[in-house]
C-alpha atoms as a PDB file:
ATOM      1  CA  MET A   1     -12.768 -32.627  11.590  1.00  0.00           C
ATOM      2  CA  VAL A   2     -15.143 -29.667  11.531  1.00  0.00           C
ATOM      3  CA  SER A   3     -13.655 -28.167  14.694  1.00  0.00           C
ATOM      4  CA  ALA A   4     -10.143 -28.414  13.221  1.00  0.00           C
ATOM      5  CA  ASN A   5     -11.307 -26.457  10.163  1.00  0.00           C
ATOM      6  CA  ARG A   6     -12.897 -23.831  12.382  1.00  0.00           C
ATOM      7  CA  GLN A   7      -9.690 -23.497  14.365  1.00  0.00           C
ATOM      8  CA  ASN A   8      -7.667 -23.082  11.166  1.00  0.00           C
ATOM      9  CA  ASN A   9     -10.145 -20.503   9.882  1.00  0.00           C
ATOM     10  CA  LYS A  10     -10.011 -18.634  13.195  1.00  0.00           C
ATOM     11  CA  LEU A  11      -6.228 -18.602  13.089  1.00  0.00           C
ATOM     12  CA  THR A  12      -6.267 -17.391   9.495  1.00  0.00           C
ATOM     13  CA  MET A  13      -8.761 -14.636  10.320  1.00  0.00           C
ATOM     14  CA  GLU A  14      -6.724 -13.474  13.304  1.00  0.00           C
ATOM     15  CA  THR A  15      -3.552 -13.446  11.226  1.00  0.00           C
ATOM     16  CA  ALA A  16      -5.316 -11.704   8.335  1.00  0.00           C
ATOM     17  CA  ASP A  17      -6.768  -9.151  10.757  1.00  0.00           C
ATOM     18  CA  LEU A  18      -3.331  -8.284  12.106  1.00  0.00           C
ATOM     19  CA  ILE A  19      -1.829  -8.033   8.633  1.00  0.00           C
ATOM     20  CA  ALA A  20      -4.772  -5.954   7.380  1.00  0.00           C
ATOM     21  CA  THR A  21      -4.486  -3.629  10.373  1.00  0.00           C
ATOM     22  CA  LEU A  22      -0.849  -2.938   9.511  1.00  0.00           C
ATOM     23  CA  GLY A  23      -1.629  -2.312   5.831  1.00  0.00           C
ATOM     24  CA  VAL A  24      -4.633  -0.091   6.468  1.00  0.00           C
ATOM     25  CA  SER A  25      -2.690   1.829   9.121  1.00  0.00           C
ATOM     26  CA  LEU A  26      -0.002   2.675   6.578  1.00  0.00           C
ATOM     27  CA  LEU A  27      -2.650   3.864   4.119  1.00  0.00           C
ATOM     28  CA  LEU A  28      -4.320   6.017   6.759  1.00  0.00           C
ATOM     29  CA  ILE A  29      -0.999   7.504   7.874  1.00  0.00           C
ATOM     30  CA  ALA A  30      -0.271   8.478   4.262  1.00  0.00           C
ATOM     31  CA  PHE A  31      -3.755   9.986   3.911  1.00  0.00           C
ATOM     32  CA  PHE A  32      -3.452  11.933   7.166  1.00  0.00           C
ATOM     33  CA  LEU A  33       0.039  13.265   6.459  1.00  0.00           C
ATOM     34  CA  GLN A  34      -0.882  14.371   2.954  1.00  0.00           C
ATOM     35  CA  SER A  35      -4.254  15.840   3.938  1.00  0.00           C
ATOM     36  CA  PHE A  36      -2.701  18.035   6.613  1.00  0.00           C
ATOM     37  CA  LYS A  37       0.204  19.052   4.364  1.00  0.00           C
ATOM     38  CA  PHE A  38       2.940  17.287   6.328  1.00  0.00           C
ATOM     39  CA  ILE A  39       3.997  15.577   3.109  1.00  0.00           C
ATOM     40  CA  LYS A  40       3.244  16.121  -0.564  1.00  0.00           C
ATOM     41  CA  ALA A  41       1.396  13.638  -2.732  1.00  0.00           C
ATOM     42  CA  GLU A  42       4.386  13.885  -5.084  1.00  0.00           C
ATOM     43  CA  SER A  43       6.856  12.561  -2.512  1.00  0.00           C
ATOM     44  CA  TYR A  44       8.633   9.259  -2.139  1.00  0.00           C
ATOM     45  CA  ILE A  45       7.328   8.729   1.395  1.00  0.00           C
ATOM     46  CA  TYR A  46       3.705   9.172   0.311  1.00  0.00           C
ATOM     47  CA  CYS A  47       4.097   6.774  -2.614  1.00  0.00           C
ATOM     48  CA  LEU A  48       5.945   4.208  -0.500  1.00  0.00           C
ATOM     49  CA  LEU A  49       3.361   4.332   2.296  1.00  0.00           C
ATOM     50  CA  ASN A  50       0.634   3.758  -0.289  1.00  0.00           C
ATOM     51  CA  LEU A  51       2.570   0.978  -2.014  1.00  0.00           C
ATOM     52  CA  PHE A  52       3.369  -0.984   1.134  1.00  0.00           C
ATOM     53  CA  GLY A  53       0.023  -0.280   2.771  1.00  0.00           C
ATOM     54  CA  ALA A  54      -1.937  -1.444  -0.263  1.00  0.00           C
ATOM     55  CA  ALA A  55       0.292  -4.470  -0.825  1.00  0.00           C
ATOM     56  CA  ILE A  56      -0.027  -5.583   2.803  1.00  0.00           C
ATOM     57  CA  ALA A  57      -3.786  -4.982   2.894  1.00  0.00           C
ATOM     58  CA  GLY A  58      -4.108  -6.828  -0.425  1.00  0.00           C
ATOM     59  CA  TYR A  59      -2.224  -9.796   0.973  1.00  0.00           C
ATOM     60  CA  ALA A  60      -4.535  -9.840   4.001  1.00  0.00           C
ATOM     61  CA  SER A  61      -7.540  -9.782   1.650  1.00  0.00           C
ATOM     62  CA  TRP A  62      -6.038 -12.700  -0.263  1.00  0.00           C
ATOM     63  CA  LEU A  63      -5.741 -14.696   2.953  1.00  0.00           C
ATOM     64  CA  ILE A  64      -9.446 -14.535   3.784  1.00  0.00           C
ATOM     65  CA  PRO A  65     -10.085 -14.634   0.453  1.00  0.00           C
ATOM     66  CA  PHE A  66     -11.947 -11.438  -0.437  1.00  0.00           C
ATOM     67  CA  ILE A  67     -11.271 -10.917  -4.136  1.00  0.00           C
ATOM     68  CA  PRO A  68     -12.851  -7.445  -4.607  1.00  0.00           C
ATOM     69  CA  PHE A  69     -10.378  -6.023  -2.086  1.00  0.00           C
ATOM     70  CA  VAL A  70      -7.514  -8.005  -3.595  1.00  0.00           C
ATOM     71  CA  ILE A  71      -8.270  -6.279  -6.913  1.00  0.00           C
ATOM     72  CA  LEU A  72      -8.657  -2.871  -5.244  1.00  0.00           C
ATOM     73  CA  GLU A  73      -5.357  -3.160  -3.404  1.00  0.00           C
ATOM     74  CA  ALA A  74      -3.561  -4.540  -6.472  1.00  0.00           C
ATOM     75  CA  VAL A  75      -4.662  -1.512  -8.504  1.00  0.00           C
ATOM     76  CA  TRP A  76      -3.739   0.791  -5.598  1.00  0.00           C
ATOM     77  CA  SER A  77      -0.261  -0.792  -5.461  1.00  0.00           C
ATOM     78  CA  LEU A  78       0.152  -0.484  -9.225  1.00  0.00           C
ATOM     79  CA  VAL A  79      -0.762   3.214  -9.122  1.00  0.00           C
ATOM     80  CA  ALA A  80       1.757   3.729  -6.310  1.00  0.00           C
ATOM     81  CA  VAL A  81       4.494   2.001  -8.341  1.00  0.00           C
ATOM     82  CA  LEU A  82       3.666   4.101 -11.403  1.00  0.00           C
ATOM     83  CA  SER A  83       3.746   7.232  -9.232  1.00  0.00           C
ATOM     84  CA  LEU A  84       7.168   6.261  -7.888  1.00  0.00           C
ATOM     85  CA  ILE A  85       8.473   5.746 -11.419  1.00  0.00           C
ATOM     86  CA  SER A  86       7.043   9.074 -12.526  1.00  0.00           C
ATOM     87  CA  LEU A  87       8.521  10.840  -9.506  1.00  0.00           C
ATOM     88  CA  TYR A  88      11.935   9.279 -10.115  1.00  0.00           C
ATOM     89  CA  ARG A  89      11.899  10.224 -13.798  1.00  0.00           C
ATOM     90  CA  SER A  90      10.831  13.811 -13.115  1.00  0.00           C
ATOM     91  CA  GLN A  91      13.555  14.291 -10.490  1.00  0.00           C
ATOM     92  CA  LYS A  92      16.139  12.705 -12.774  1.00  0.00           C
ATOM     93  CA  PHE A  93      15.028  15.080 -15.560  1.00  0.00           C
ATOM     94  CA  HIS A  94      15.330  18.108 -13.266  1.00  0.00           C
ATOM     95  CA  VAL A  95      18.841  17.068 -12.215  1.00  0.00           C
ATOM     96  CA  LYS A  96      19.963  16.672 -15.836  1.00  0.00           C
ATOM     97  CA  GLN A  97      18.349  19.983 -16.768  1.00  0.00           C
ATOM     98  CA  SER A  98      20.104  21.845 -13.933  1.00  0.00           C
ATOM     99  CA  GLU A  99      23.474  20.310 -14.923  1.00  0.00           C
ATOM    100  CA  GLN A 100      23.112  21.760 -18.424  1.00  0.00           C
ATOM    101  CA  ILE A 101      22.647  25.292 -17.125  1.00  0.00           C
END
């Protein structure tokens, strides 16, 4: 019985590790691209990389379960969603403004 639980835990950790690696990789790619001015922080790609990276890393944290990181990644995802909404609204406003001119 104990060995079966250990095997399940090992499987869960390996799965969580793979999922976390994907999520953290997306976050690091976003950080790298923005830091070296390949993309702007006010771009869809930056916000989407942060949203998906944080959501995936948060899910991996949920699997192990490590609640402080679940909270961190949930907030990170929320900020990314709010940034996407703000970006969409500002671009929509600029389009409407240019049509009036």
